[in-house]
Amino acid sequence: MGFLNRSPETAGRLRLRLQDPRVHRPLAVLSSGLLLAASFPRPSLAPLAWIALVPVLLAVRGLTARRAFFVGWTAGTAAFIFTIPWIVATIVEYGHLPLPVGIGAWLLLSAYVGLFTGAWAAFARMVEPYPAVLRTLGLAAAWTALEYLRTHLFTGFPWMLIGYSQLPFLPLIQFTAFTGVYGVSFLVAWGNAGLASAFASSEDGWKRISAAVPPLLAAAVLSLHGAWEMSRPAPDGDALHVAIVQGNIDQSKKWDPRHQREVFETYQRLTLQAAERLREAPQGFRIVLWPETATPFYFDYDIAWTGELRDFQTALGVPLLFGTPTVDPAVAGRPVLHNSVILLSADGSAGPRYDKMHLVPYGEYVPLKPLFPFLEKMVTAIGDFGEGREFTIMRGAGVPLGTLICYEVIFPDQARRFVAAGARVLVTVTNDAWFGRTGAPYQHFAMAAFRAVENGVPLIRAANTGISGVVDARGRALRSGPLFEPWVHAQTVIVPKNAGTFYSRHGDLFAQAASAVALAMMIAAWRRKERRLS
C-alpha cells in the first residue's frame, strides 16, 4: 500500500524518470519483445499481437533513422530470443554440440530476424511526416514486405510471421484464401500502427483516433465475413479415411543399426492397429501415413529391408505413404541422398516419390561448405541431402495428395504450388523430436494449419513424436495427438472436388503489391528529405 500513498512530488519524479529516454526506450524494447513472443504458441495470447509493436513505434518517434533502426532491431531480437529458445535444446541435446554453441546460434538467429524489425522501425521514422492514415497504411505494407523478404532471403526463415499469432481467431483468418498469411500480418501491423498514432497524436476527438479506426473496422468486417463462410455447408467431396501412425521413436535410436528391428516392428505393430480401424470405416478411399524418415533404412537401396516392407504392405492391403531416406545413382563420383516420401499402393508396388526441395541449413546440408570447410552439419547420422526438383503429386490413394516434408510447411508458396498442380489434400510428414518439450512443436503445427486455410484443402500431419493431427479446410483442428507418446488415429476427411483458392492460383500478389507500395513510399520519403536538405 506504500506505493499508493506516495506524495505528489514522488509520483512526479517517477513520471519524469519514466519519460527519460534512457529508461522508457529499454522498457519499450522489452515490452514489445515480450508481448510479441507471448502472442505465439505457447502461450498463444493472440490479442497481444495487436499492441505488441506499439511501444517500439512510440519509442522511435523523433529519432534519426539510424537510431530508430537500433531500437527496432533490439526489440525484434528480444522477441525472437523469447520465441525460439528451443534452438538451444536442438543443438545441444540432439546435435551434441557444446552449450556455448547452442546459445550462440540462438542469439545470432534472433539477432538476424531482429534486423527486419529494425528496418521497419527505420521506415517508421522516414514516413513520420506523412498524414496519419497514409503513414499507418505504409507501415503495414512495409511490415508485410519485410516478412515476405524474410521468407525468401538466404533460403528463407519465415518462422512465426506475426499473422500466425491469429490462428485462434479462425473467422478472421479466412481471407488468407486471397492473401496468404501475409494479409493477416498486414492487418495486425496496421492495427498496431493505428493505435500508436492515436497514442502519439496531439489532436482531439475524431482526428486523434482517425488512423486507429480503419484497421479495427477492417478486422471486424473480415471476421464477420469469415464467420459467414465457416457457417456455410461444406461442399460435396470424396471421403478419405486416413490413419496416422505416430511412432514416437527416440532420436538416439532412430539411426542406430542396433535398433533397426525395434523401430521397424514398432511401425508394423501400430500400423496393424491403424488398418483395423480403417476397415471399420464406411465406403471411401483409405490410406495410412507414417512420419518423416520413418523407415530406419534407405528404401530401394537396402534390399532386404525394402522387401520386408513390401511384403508387409501386400498383407496390409491399404496404401501407405511414408517418409524414408533414398539414394540416387552416383553423380560426380558419389551417390545423392534424398529426404523422400513414397506412396506404396495396396498391393505393395511403389508409386510416386517426392524428394524434399527446401532443405534445412546445417540440419540437412551445409551452405557455403567449399568456402568454410570447417563447418559441419549438425545432424551427422545421415550425409548431406540433395534437393528435390519436382512438385510430385501422389495419385495412388484415390485422391491426389501434395506432400510437404517438415520445414517445408512453413513456406506458403511451397504448399500452394502443390494445390495449383492438382493436389486436393495436403499431407505434411515431420520429425519434431529435435524440438524436445518446447513451444516449437505447437508453433510448427500452427503454421501448418494456415496452409489449409490459404488453399481451401484439408491438411493431414504425421509427426514422429507429435504433434500429429488433421486440420480441415477452414483451419479447425479436427483432432491432434499428444507429444512424445505413440499414437494411432483414424479420421474421415471430406476432400473437396474443386480444390484451390485465389491464393493457390495466383500466389503472393498481395505481398508483392505491399512491397511495391512500401518501396514507393520509402523512395518518396527519401526524396522529400533530400529536397529539404538541399
Protein backbone atom coordinates (compact mmCIF):
# COMPACT_ATOMS: atom_id res chain seq x y z
CA MET A 1 0.00 0.00 0.00
CA GLY A 2 3.02 2.26 0.35
CA PHE A 3 3.13 2.84 -3.39
CA LEU A 4 -0.46 4.13 -3.37
CA ASN A 5 0.35 6.59 -0.55
CA ARG A 6 3.28 8.24 -2.28
CA SER A 7 3.30 12.04 -2.27
CA PRO A 8 2.57 14.02 -5.47
CA GLU A 9 6.21 15.05 -5.56
CA THR A 10 7.36 11.42 -5.51
CA ALA A 11 4.85 10.46 -8.20
CA GLY A 12 6.01 13.37 -10.31
CA ARG A 13 9.65 12.32 -10.03
CA LEU A 14 8.67 8.76 -11.03
CA ARG A 15 6.77 10.07 -14.04
CA LEU A 16 9.76 12.17 -15.11
CA ARG A 17 12.03 9.17 -14.65
CA LEU A 18 9.85 7.02 -16.90
CA GLN A 19 9.86 9.78 -19.52
CA ASP A 20 13.66 9.69 -19.61
CA PRO A 21 14.64 8.04 -22.95
CA ARG A 22 17.32 6.05 -21.15
CA VAL A 23 14.51 4.38 -19.22
CA HIS A 24 11.45 4.30 -21.47
CA ARG A 25 13.22 3.08 -24.61
CA PRO A 26 14.65 -0.07 -22.98
CA LEU A 27 11.23 -0.66 -21.39
CA ALA A 28 9.59 -0.27 -24.81
CA VAL A 29 12.02 -2.72 -26.38
CA LEU A 30 11.48 -5.29 -23.64
CA SER A 31 7.69 -4.93 -23.60
CA SER A 32 7.41 -5.22 -27.39
CA GLY A 33 9.59 -8.32 -27.35
CA LEU A 34 7.61 -9.97 -24.55
CA LEU A 35 4.20 -9.08 -26.00
CA LEU A 36 5.09 -10.34 -29.46
CA ALA A 37 6.55 -13.60 -28.18
CA ALA A 38 3.55 -14.19 -25.88
CA SER A 39 1.15 -13.88 -28.83
CA PHE A 40 2.64 -17.01 -30.42
CA PRO A 41 2.22 -20.63 -29.31
CA ARG A 42 2.79 -21.07 -26.46
CA PRO A 43 1.13 -19.26 -24.55
CA SER A 44 -0.85 -18.19 -27.67
CA LEU A 45 -2.20 -14.93 -26.24
CA ALA A 46 -3.27 -13.81 -29.71
CA PRO A 47 -4.78 -10.39 -28.79
CA LEU A 48 -1.37 -9.20 -27.57
CA ALA A 49 -0.11 -9.14 -31.18
CA TRP A 50 -2.38 -6.13 -31.80
CA ILE A 51 -0.48 -3.99 -29.27
CA ALA A 52 2.97 -5.64 -29.33
CA LEU A 53 4.51 -3.18 -31.79
CA VAL A 54 3.01 -0.03 -30.25
CA PRO A 55 5.79 0.52 -27.65
CA VAL A 56 8.57 0.38 -30.21
CA LEU A 57 6.69 2.71 -32.59
CA LEU A 58 6.29 5.25 -29.80
CA ALA A 59 9.92 4.85 -28.74
CA VAL A 60 11.35 5.71 -32.18
CA ARG A 61 9.43 8.95 -32.64
CA GLY A 62 11.81 11.84 -33.16
CA LEU A 63 14.90 9.69 -33.55
CA THR A 64 17.16 9.56 -36.57
CA ALA A 65 16.52 6.62 -38.89
CA ARG A 66 19.79 5.05 -37.74
CA ARG A 67 18.87 5.20 -34.05
CA ALA A 68 15.33 4.03 -34.83
CA PHE A 69 16.83 1.03 -36.60
CA PHE A 70 18.83 0.14 -33.50
CA VAL A 71 15.76 0.39 -31.24
CA GLY A 72 13.68 -1.74 -33.62
CA TRP A 73 16.46 -4.28 -34.09
CA THR A 74 16.80 -4.67 -30.33
CA ALA A 75 13.05 -5.16 -29.93
CA GLY A 76 12.90 -7.71 -32.76
CA THR A 77 15.89 -9.57 -31.35
CA ALA A 78 14.25 -9.68 -27.91
CA ALA A 79 11.03 -11.01 -29.42
CA PHE A 80 12.80 -13.94 -31.04
CA ILE A 81 15.00 -14.63 -28.05
CA PHE A 82 11.73 -15.33 -26.23
CA THR A 83 10.17 -17.15 -29.22
CA ILE A 84 12.88 -19.63 -30.29
CA PRO A 85 14.75 -20.76 -27.16
CA TRP A 86 14.21 -24.32 -28.46
CA ILE A 87 17.21 -23.71 -30.73
CA VAL A 88 19.48 -24.36 -27.74
CA ALA A 89 17.92 -27.73 -26.88
CA THR A 90 18.01 -28.80 -30.53
CA ILE A 91 21.70 -28.03 -30.95
CA VAL A 92 22.94 -29.22 -27.58
CA GLU A 93 20.75 -32.26 -26.85
CA TYR A 94 20.37 -33.62 -30.38
CA GLY A 95 23.24 -32.01 -32.25
CA HIS A 96 25.64 -32.97 -29.43
CA LEU A 97 27.37 -29.61 -29.62
CA PRO A 98 28.61 -27.58 -26.61
CA LEU A 99 26.20 -25.33 -24.74
CA PRO A 100 28.01 -22.11 -25.78
CA VAL A 101 27.48 -23.09 -29.44
CA GLY A 102 23.77 -23.60 -28.83
CA ILE A 103 23.39 -20.30 -27.01
CA GLY A 104 25.43 -18.51 -29.70
CA ALA A 105 23.27 -19.91 -32.50
CA TRP A 106 20.10 -18.91 -30.62
CA LEU A 107 21.29 -15.34 -30.13
CA LEU A 108 22.67 -14.97 -33.66
CA LEU A 109 19.49 -16.24 -35.31
CA SER A 110 17.40 -13.97 -33.08
CA ALA A 111 19.64 -11.03 -33.97
CA TYR A 112 19.30 -11.82 -37.68
CA VAL A 113 15.50 -11.89 -37.53
CA GLY A 114 15.60 -8.71 -35.45
CA LEU A 115 17.16 -6.89 -38.41
CA PHE A 116 13.79 -6.92 -40.16
CA THR A 117 12.08 -5.20 -37.22
CA GLY A 118 14.95 -2.73 -37.19
CA ALA A 119 14.41 -1.92 -40.85
CA TRP A 120 10.70 -1.44 -40.14
CA ALA A 121 11.42 0.97 -37.28
CA ALA A 122 13.74 2.98 -39.54
CA PHE A 123 10.98 3.07 -42.16
CA ALA A 124 8.56 4.32 -39.49
CA ARG A 125 10.89 7.23 -38.81
CA MET A 126 11.21 8.03 -42.53
CA VAL A 127 7.44 8.22 -43.09
CA GLU A 128 6.69 10.10 -39.86
CA PRO A 129 5.84 13.35 -41.75
CA TYR A 130 3.09 11.64 -43.78
CA PRO A 131 -0.59 12.09 -42.78
CA ALA A 132 -1.61 9.56 -40.12
CA VAL A 133 -3.88 7.38 -42.28
CA LEU A 134 -1.34 7.15 -45.10
CA ARG A 135 1.53 6.58 -42.65
CA THR A 136 -0.20 3.68 -40.91
CA LEU A 137 -1.03 2.00 -44.22
CA GLY A 138 2.59 2.43 -45.27
CA LEU A 139 3.80 0.84 -42.05
CA ALA A 140 1.50 -2.15 -42.62
CA ALA A 141 2.77 -2.50 -46.18
CA ALA A 142 6.40 -2.26 -45.03
CA TRP A 143 5.93 -4.92 -42.33
CA THR A 144 4.37 -7.23 -44.94
CA ALA A 145 7.19 -6.56 -47.38
CA LEU A 146 9.83 -7.37 -44.77
CA GLU A 147 8.10 -10.63 -43.81
CA TYR A 148 7.93 -11.55 -47.48
CA LEU A 149 11.65 -10.78 -47.77
CA ARG A 150 12.40 -12.87 -44.66
CA THR A 151 10.56 -15.78 -46.28
CA HIS A 152 12.88 -15.76 -49.29
CA LEU A 153 16.23 -14.19 -48.32
CA PHE A 154 19.14 -16.62 -47.79
CA THR A 155 16.87 -19.69 -48.31
CA GLY A 156 14.28 -18.07 -46.02
CA PHE A 157 13.25 -18.27 -42.39
CA PRO A 158 9.54 -17.37 -42.13
CA TRP A 159 9.18 -18.82 -38.64
CA MET A 160 6.34 -17.20 -36.70
CA LEU A 161 5.35 -14.35 -39.01
CA ILE A 162 3.08 -12.09 -36.97
CA GLY A 163 -0.02 -13.26 -38.85
CA TYR A 164 0.38 -16.77 -37.40
CA SER A 165 -0.49 -15.40 -33.97
CA GLN A 166 -4.12 -15.05 -35.07
CA LEU A 167 -4.84 -18.76 -35.62
CA PRO A 168 -7.18 -18.83 -32.57
CA PHE A 169 -9.40 -16.30 -34.40
CA LEU A 170 -10.49 -18.63 -37.21
CA PRO A 171 -13.19 -16.33 -38.70
CA LEU A 172 -10.64 -13.53 -39.04
CA ILE A 173 -8.06 -15.57 -40.95
CA GLN A 174 -10.41 -16.93 -43.63
CA PHE A 175 -9.41 -14.14 -46.01
CA THR A 176 -5.96 -15.74 -46.31
CA ALA A 177 -7.59 -17.68 -49.16
CA PHE A 178 -6.89 -14.46 -51.11
CA THR A 179 -3.77 -13.00 -49.48
CA GLY A 180 -1.96 -15.83 -47.74
CA VAL A 181 -0.74 -15.33 -44.18
CA TYR A 182 0.78 -12.02 -45.29
CA GLY A 183 -2.70 -10.47 -45.33
CA VAL A 184 -3.16 -11.19 -41.63
CA SER A 185 0.31 -9.79 -40.92
CA PHE A 186 -0.66 -6.62 -42.81
CA LEU A 187 -3.84 -6.27 -40.77
CA VAL A 188 -2.11 -6.76 -37.40
CA ALA A 189 0.72 -4.35 -38.27
CA TRP A 190 -1.87 -1.82 -39.49
CA GLY A 191 -3.72 -2.12 -36.18
CA ASN A 192 -0.50 -1.55 -34.21
CA ALA A 193 0.38 1.49 -36.32
CA GLY A 194 -3.11 2.94 -35.88
CA LEU A 195 -3.03 2.56 -32.10
CA ALA A 196 0.46 4.06 -31.89
CA SER A 197 -0.73 7.01 -33.97
CA ALA A 198 -3.68 7.57 -31.62
CA PHE A 199 -1.42 7.47 -28.54
CA ALA A 200 1.08 9.92 -30.06
CA SER A 201 -1.43 12.33 -31.58
CA SER A 202 -1.92 15.80 -30.09
CA GLU A 203 -5.31 16.15 -31.81
CA ASP A 204 -8.66 15.87 -30.07
CA GLY A 205 -11.77 13.85 -30.81
CA TRP A 206 -12.13 12.01 -34.11
CA LYS A 207 -8.84 13.29 -35.52
CA ARG A 208 -6.96 11.60 -32.71
CA ILE A 209 -8.34 8.13 -33.48
CA SER A 210 -8.84 8.55 -37.23
CA ALA A 211 -5.89 6.27 -38.06
CA ALA A 212 -6.82 3.62 -35.46
CA VAL A 213 -10.41 3.01 -36.57
CA PRO A 214 -9.90 1.71 -40.16
CA PRO A 215 -7.79 -1.38 -39.25
CA LEU A 216 -10.13 -2.30 -36.40
CA LEU A 217 -13.14 -1.85 -38.67
CA ALA A 218 -11.46 -3.96 -41.35
CA ALA A 219 -10.78 -6.71 -38.80
CA ALA A 220 -14.43 -6.67 -37.71
CA VAL A 221 -15.75 -6.84 -41.28
CA LEU A 222 -13.35 -9.62 -42.24
CA SER A 223 -14.26 -11.57 -39.11
CA LEU A 224 -17.97 -11.33 -39.89
CA HIS A 225 -17.36 -12.46 -43.47
CA GLY A 226 -15.18 -15.31 -42.23
CA ALA A 227 -17.84 -16.41 -39.74
CA TRP A 228 -20.38 -16.47 -42.56
CA GLU A 229 -18.03 -18.52 -44.74
CA MET A 230 -17.46 -21.01 -41.92
CA SER A 231 -21.20 -21.38 -41.34
CA ARG A 232 -21.86 -22.43 -44.93
CA PRO A 233 -22.32 -26.16 -45.60
CA ALA A 234 -19.16 -27.90 -46.73
CA PRO A 235 -19.11 -28.65 -50.46
CA ASP A 236 -19.57 -32.20 -51.65
CA GLY A 237 -16.42 -34.23 -51.88
CA ASP A 238 -14.79 -37.63 -51.64
CA ALA A 239 -14.38 -39.41 -48.31
CA LEU A 240 -10.77 -40.19 -47.47
CA HIS A 241 -10.30 -42.42 -44.44
CA VAL A 242 -6.81 -41.75 -43.13
CA ALA A 243 -4.92 -43.44 -40.31
CA ILE A 244 -1.98 -41.58 -38.78
CA VAL A 245 0.80 -43.56 -37.14
CA GLN A 246 2.96 -41.64 -34.67
CA GLY A 247 5.81 -43.99 -33.77
CA ASN A 248 7.46 -41.85 -31.07
CA ILE A 249 10.90 -43.18 -31.94
CA ASP A 250 13.62 -41.83 -29.69
CA GLN A 251 16.14 -39.80 -31.69
CA SER A 252 19.03 -41.76 -30.20
CA LYS A 253 17.59 -44.99 -31.65
CA LYS A 254 16.42 -43.67 -35.00
CA TRP A 255 19.66 -44.28 -36.93
CA ASP A 256 21.34 -46.78 -34.64
CA PRO A 257 21.68 -50.10 -36.56
CA ARG A 258 21.22 -51.97 -33.29
CA HIS A 259 17.65 -50.64 -33.08
CA GLN A 260 16.58 -51.12 -36.71
CA ARG A 261 14.44 -54.14 -35.93
CA GLU A 262 12.82 -52.47 -32.92
CA VAL A 263 11.94 -49.32 -34.91
CA PHE A 264 10.53 -51.26 -37.85
CA GLU A 265 8.45 -53.56 -35.66
CA THR A 266 7.06 -50.56 -33.77
CA TYR A 267 5.68 -49.17 -37.02
CA GLN A 268 4.39 -52.57 -38.08
CA ARG A 269 2.53 -53.07 -34.81
CA LEU A 270 0.97 -49.60 -34.81
CA THR A 271 0.09 -49.86 -38.49
CA LEU A 272 -1.83 -53.09 -37.94
CA GLN A 273 -3.90 -51.22 -35.35
CA ALA A 274 -4.43 -48.40 -37.84
CA ALA A 275 -5.50 -50.76 -40.62
CA GLU A 276 -8.01 -52.41 -38.29
CA ARG A 277 -9.62 -49.05 -37.61
CA LEU A 278 -9.72 -48.24 -41.31
CA ARG A 279 -11.56 -51.47 -42.08
CA GLU A 280 -14.38 -50.26 -39.82
CA ALA A 281 -14.77 -47.07 -41.88
CA PRO A 282 -17.64 -46.76 -44.39
CA GLN A 283 -17.23 -46.54 -48.16
CA GLY A 284 -14.38 -44.33 -49.35
CA PHE A 285 -10.66 -44.20 -50.03
CA ARG A 286 -8.14 -45.38 -47.42
CA ILE A 287 -4.53 -44.58 -46.60
CA VAL A 288 -2.03 -45.00 -43.75
CA LEU A 289 0.54 -42.27 -43.02
CA TRP A 290 3.97 -42.64 -41.44
CA PRO A 291 6.13 -39.64 -40.44
CA GLU A 292 9.30 -38.20 -41.99
CA THR A 293 12.18 -40.70 -42.39
CA ALA A 294 10.10 -43.33 -40.59
CA THR A 295 11.97 -46.28 -42.13
CA PRO A 296 15.32 -46.99 -40.41
CA PHE A 297 16.82 -47.83 -43.81
CA TYR A 298 17.17 -46.50 -47.35
CA PHE A 299 14.14 -47.63 -49.34
CA ASP A 300 15.03 -49.47 -52.59
CA TYR A 301 18.72 -49.40 -51.58
CA ASP A 302 18.68 -51.70 -48.55
CA ILE A 303 17.19 -54.60 -50.48
CA ALA A 304 16.34 -56.95 -47.60
CA TRP A 305 14.58 -54.29 -45.56
CA THR A 306 12.77 -52.94 -48.62
CA GLY A 307 11.49 -56.43 -49.46
CA GLU A 308 10.24 -56.90 -45.91
CA LEU A 309 8.32 -53.62 -46.08
CA ARG A 310 6.78 -54.59 -49.44
CA ASP A 311 5.67 -57.96 -48.03
CA PHE A 312 4.14 -56.24 -45.03
CA GLN A 313 2.35 -53.76 -47.29
CA THR A 314 0.97 -56.52 -49.52
CA ALA A 315 -0.52 -58.26 -46.48
CA LEU A 316 -1.86 -54.97 -45.17
CA GLY A 317 -3.83 -54.22 -48.33
CA VAL A 318 -4.05 -50.46 -47.69
CA PRO A 319 -1.98 -47.74 -49.41
CA LEU A 320 0.90 -46.48 -47.28
CA LEU A 321 2.50 -43.05 -47.55
CA PHE A 322 5.77 -42.91 -45.62
CA GLY A 323 8.91 -40.86 -45.17
CA THR A 324 12.22 -42.50 -45.96
CA PRO A 325 15.78 -41.63 -46.93
CA THR A 326 16.56 -42.66 -50.51
CA VAL A 327 19.69 -42.95 -52.64
CA ASP A 328 20.07 -41.97 -56.27
CA PRO A 329 22.87 -43.30 -58.52
CA ALA A 330 26.25 -41.66 -58.21
CA VAL A 331 26.66 -38.16 -59.62
CA ALA A 332 30.21 -36.82 -59.92
CA GLY A 333 31.51 -39.99 -58.29
CA ARG A 334 29.25 -40.07 -55.24
CA PRO A 335 25.63 -41.12 -54.59
CA VAL A 336 22.97 -38.48 -53.95
CA LEU A 337 20.85 -38.85 -50.81
CA HIS A 338 17.29 -37.53 -50.55
CA ASN A 339 14.76 -36.98 -47.81
CA SER A 340 11.77 -38.52 -49.54
CA VAL A 341 8.13 -39.52 -49.30
CA ILE A 342 6.94 -42.62 -51.17
CA LEU A 343 3.45 -43.97 -51.77
CA LEU A 344 3.07 -47.74 -51.76
CA SER A 345 -0.16 -48.95 -53.30
CA ALA A 346 -2.35 -51.58 -51.67
CA ASP A 347 -0.51 -54.39 -53.48
CA GLY A 348 2.93 -53.20 -52.29
CA SER A 349 4.11 -51.70 -55.56
CA ALA A 350 5.94 -48.40 -55.33
CA GLY A 351 4.10 -45.40 -56.68
CA PRO A 352 5.26 -41.77 -56.92
CA ARG A 353 8.19 -40.42 -54.91
CA TYR A 354 8.65 -36.86 -53.72
CA ASP A 355 12.11 -35.58 -52.75
CA LYS A 356 12.27 -32.71 -50.29
CA MET A 357 13.01 -29.46 -52.09
CA HIS A 358 13.53 -26.95 -49.26
CA LEU A 359 16.26 -28.37 -47.07
CA VAL A 360 17.16 -27.23 -43.54
CA PRO A 361 20.53 -25.40 -43.43
CA TYR A 362 23.00 -27.17 -41.11
CA GLY A 363 20.41 -29.87 -40.49
CA GLU A 364 20.26 -31.49 -43.93
CA TYR A 365 23.08 -29.73 -45.75
CA VAL A 366 25.84 -27.18 -45.08
CA PRO A 367 25.60 -23.92 -47.05
CA LEU A 368 28.86 -22.47 -48.41
CA LYS A 369 30.81 -25.56 -47.36
CA PRO A 370 33.51 -25.08 -50.07
CA LEU A 371 34.21 -21.62 -48.63
CA PHE A 372 34.04 -22.74 -44.99
CA PRO A 373 35.20 -26.37 -44.87
CA PHE A 374 35.37 -26.31 -41.06
CA LEU A 375 31.57 -26.02 -40.86
CA GLU A 376 29.80 -29.30 -40.22
CA LYS A 377 26.21 -30.43 -40.41
CA MET A 378 24.55 -30.57 -37.01
CA VAL A 379 22.77 -33.82 -37.83
CA THR A 380 25.55 -36.27 -38.60
CA ALA A 381 23.59 -39.55 -38.63
CA ILE A 382 22.98 -39.15 -42.38
CA GLY A 383 25.09 -37.44 -45.00
CA ASP A 384 24.15 -34.23 -46.80
CA PHE A 385 20.87 -34.43 -48.70
CA GLY A 386 20.32 -33.32 -52.26
CA GLU A 387 17.41 -31.04 -53.26
CA GLY A 388 14.33 -32.37 -54.99
CA ARG A 389 13.31 -30.72 -58.24
CA GLU A 390 9.62 -31.53 -58.81
CA PHE A 391 6.29 -30.90 -57.07
CA THR A 392 5.22 -34.53 -57.28
CA ILE A 393 1.51 -35.24 -56.82
CA MET A 394 0.69 -38.57 -55.14
CA ARG A 395 -2.15 -40.14 -57.15
CA GLY A 396 -2.35 -43.69 -55.85
CA ALA A 397 -4.68 -43.19 -52.89
CA GLY A 398 -7.90 -42.28 -54.72
CA VAL A 399 -7.46 -38.52 -54.30
CA PRO A 400 -4.36 -36.53 -55.35
CA LEU A 401 -2.10 -35.62 -52.43
CA GLY A 402 0.56 -32.92 -52.12
CA THR A 403 3.30 -33.79 -49.65
CA LEU A 404 5.40 -31.38 -47.61
CA ILE A 405 8.31 -32.62 -45.52
CA CYS A 406 8.91 -30.98 -42.14
CA TYR A 407 10.32 -27.44 -42.55
CA GLU A 408 8.69 -27.01 -45.98
CA VAL A 409 5.26 -26.44 -44.48
CA ILE A 410 6.29 -23.03 -43.08
CA PHE A 411 6.73 -21.70 -46.65
CA PRO A 412 3.33 -20.58 -48.00
CA ASP A 413 4.34 -20.69 -51.66
CA GLN A 414 5.63 -24.27 -51.35
CA ALA A 415 2.23 -25.57 -50.25
CA ARG A 416 0.18 -23.57 -52.71
CA ARG A 417 2.23 -24.85 -55.66
CA PHE A 418 1.14 -28.40 -54.82
CA VAL A 419 -2.52 -27.35 -54.85
CA ALA A 420 -2.02 -25.39 -58.06
CA ALA A 421 -0.55 -28.59 -59.57
CA GLY A 422 -3.68 -30.58 -58.70
CA ALA A 423 -3.42 -31.70 -55.06
CA ARG A 424 -6.75 -31.85 -53.21
CA VAL A 425 -5.24 -32.74 -49.82
CA LEU A 426 -2.03 -31.50 -48.23
CA VAL A 427 -0.01 -34.03 -46.24
CA THR A 428 2.93 -32.98 -44.11
CA VAL A 429 5.28 -35.52 -42.55
CA THR A 430 7.79 -34.40 -39.97
CA ASN A 431 10.13 -35.40 -37.18
CA ASP A 432 9.82 -32.75 -34.47
CA ALA A 433 11.76 -34.78 -31.93
CA TRP A 434 14.57 -32.23 -32.38
CA PHE A 435 12.46 -29.60 -30.64
CA GLY A 436 12.04 -31.51 -27.38
CA ARG A 437 9.32 -30.44 -24.97
CA THR A 438 9.30 -26.78 -26.01
CA GLY A 439 6.85 -24.45 -27.72
CA ALA A 440 8.29 -25.28 -31.17
CA PRO A 441 6.01 -28.28 -31.97
CA TYR A 442 2.98 -26.08 -31.26
CA GLN A 443 4.39 -23.26 -33.36
CA HIS A 444 5.10 -25.69 -36.21
CA PHE A 445 1.57 -27.09 -36.07
CA ALA A 446 0.03 -23.60 -36.09
CA MET A 447 1.93 -22.63 -39.23
CA ALA A 448 0.85 -25.86 -40.93
CA ALA A 449 -2.81 -25.09 -40.15
CA PHE A 450 -2.56 -21.84 -42.12
CA ARG A 451 -1.67 -23.81 -45.27
CA ALA A 452 -5.09 -25.47 -45.14
CA VAL A 453 -6.98 -22.16 -44.93
CA GLU A 454 -4.87 -20.48 -47.61
CA ASN A 455 -5.56 -23.25 -50.10
CA GLY A 456 -9.04 -24.40 -49.08
CA VAL A 457 -7.99 -28.03 -48.61
CA PRO A 458 -7.66 -30.38 -45.61
CA LEU A 459 -4.21 -30.90 -44.14
CA ILE A 460 -3.05 -34.15 -42.51
CA ARG A 461 0.07 -34.23 -40.36
CA ALA A 462 2.10 -37.25 -39.29
CA ALA A 463 4.88 -36.44 -36.82
CA ASN A 464 7.33 -38.90 -35.26
CA THR A 465 6.87 -37.57 -31.71
CA GLY A 466 3.92 -35.24 -32.32
CA ILE A 467 2.05 -33.11 -32.92
CA SER A 468 0.18 -35.27 -35.44
CA GLY A 469 -3.34 -34.35 -36.44
CA VAL A 470 -5.94 -33.39 -39.02
CA VAL A 471 -6.96 -29.84 -39.95
CA ASP A 472 -9.98 -29.07 -42.11
CA ALA A 473 -10.07 -26.54 -44.94
CA ARG A 474 -11.17 -23.79 -42.52
CA GLY A 475 -8.23 -24.31 -40.16
CA ARG A 476 -10.13 -26.23 -37.49
CA ALA A 477 -8.05 -28.94 -35.82
CA LEU A 478 -10.38 -31.93 -36.08
CA ARG A 479 -8.00 -33.93 -33.94
CA SER A 480 -4.44 -33.55 -32.69
CA GLY A 481 -2.32 -36.03 -30.80
CA PRO A 482 -0.04 -35.91 -27.77
CA LEU A 483 3.66 -35.13 -27.63
CA PHE A 484 6.19 -37.91 -27.07
CA GLU A 485 3.69 -40.77 -26.99
CA PRO A 486 2.91 -43.48 -29.56
CA TRP A 487 -0.40 -42.57 -31.17
CA VAL A 488 -2.70 -44.07 -33.79
CA HIS A 489 -5.68 -42.13 -35.05
CA ALA A 490 -8.22 -42.79 -37.81
CA GLN A 491 -10.15 -39.87 -39.26
CA THR A 492 -12.53 -39.41 -42.17
CA VAL A 493 -11.68 -36.33 -44.21
CA ILE A 494 -14.01 -34.88 -46.83
CA VAL A 495 -11.90 -33.86 -49.80
CA PRO A 496 -13.39 -31.09 -51.98
CA LYS A 497 -13.81 -31.97 -55.64
CA ASN A 498 -12.76 -28.48 -56.72
CA ALA A 499 -9.76 -27.65 -54.57
CA GLY A 500 -7.83 -24.42 -54.57
CA THR A 501 -8.36 -20.72 -53.86
CA PHE A 502 -7.39 -17.38 -55.35
CA TYR A 503 -4.16 -17.67 -53.37
CA SER A 504 -3.50 -21.18 -54.74
CA ARG A 505 -3.86 -19.96 -58.29
CA HIS A 506 -2.17 -16.56 -58.10
CA GLY A 507 0.30 -16.80 -55.24
CA ASP A 508 1.76 -13.88 -53.31
CA LEU A 509 0.28 -11.00 -55.29
CA PHE A 510 -0.82 -9.26 -52.11
CA ALA A 511 2.64 -9.42 -50.50
CA GLN A 512 4.25 -8.28 -53.73
CA ALA A 513 1.84 -5.34 -54.06
CA ALA A 514 2.51 -4.35 -50.44
CA SER A 515 6.24 -4.50 -51.14
CA ALA A 516 5.83 -2.18 -54.12
CA VAL A 517 3.82 0.32 -52.05
CA ALA A 518 6.36 0.28 -49.23
CA LEU A 519 9.24 0.79 -51.66
CA ALA A 520 7.47 3.68 -53.38
CA MET A 521 6.77 5.39 -50.04
CA MET A 522 10.36 4.92 -48.90
CA ILE A 523 11.73 6.44 -52.13
CA ALA A 524 9.30 9.36 -51.86
CA ALA A 525 10.25 9.98 -48.23
CA TRP A 526 13.95 9.88 -49.11
CA ARG A 527 13.49 12.34 -51.98
CA ARG A 528 11.50 14.67 -49.75
CA LYS A 529 14.32 14.64 -47.22
CA GLU A 530 16.90 15.32 -49.95
CA ARG A 531 14.90 18.31 -51.21
CA ARG A 532 14.59 19.65 -47.68
CA LEU A 533 18.34 19.40 -47.09
CA SER A 534 19.33 20.89 -50.45
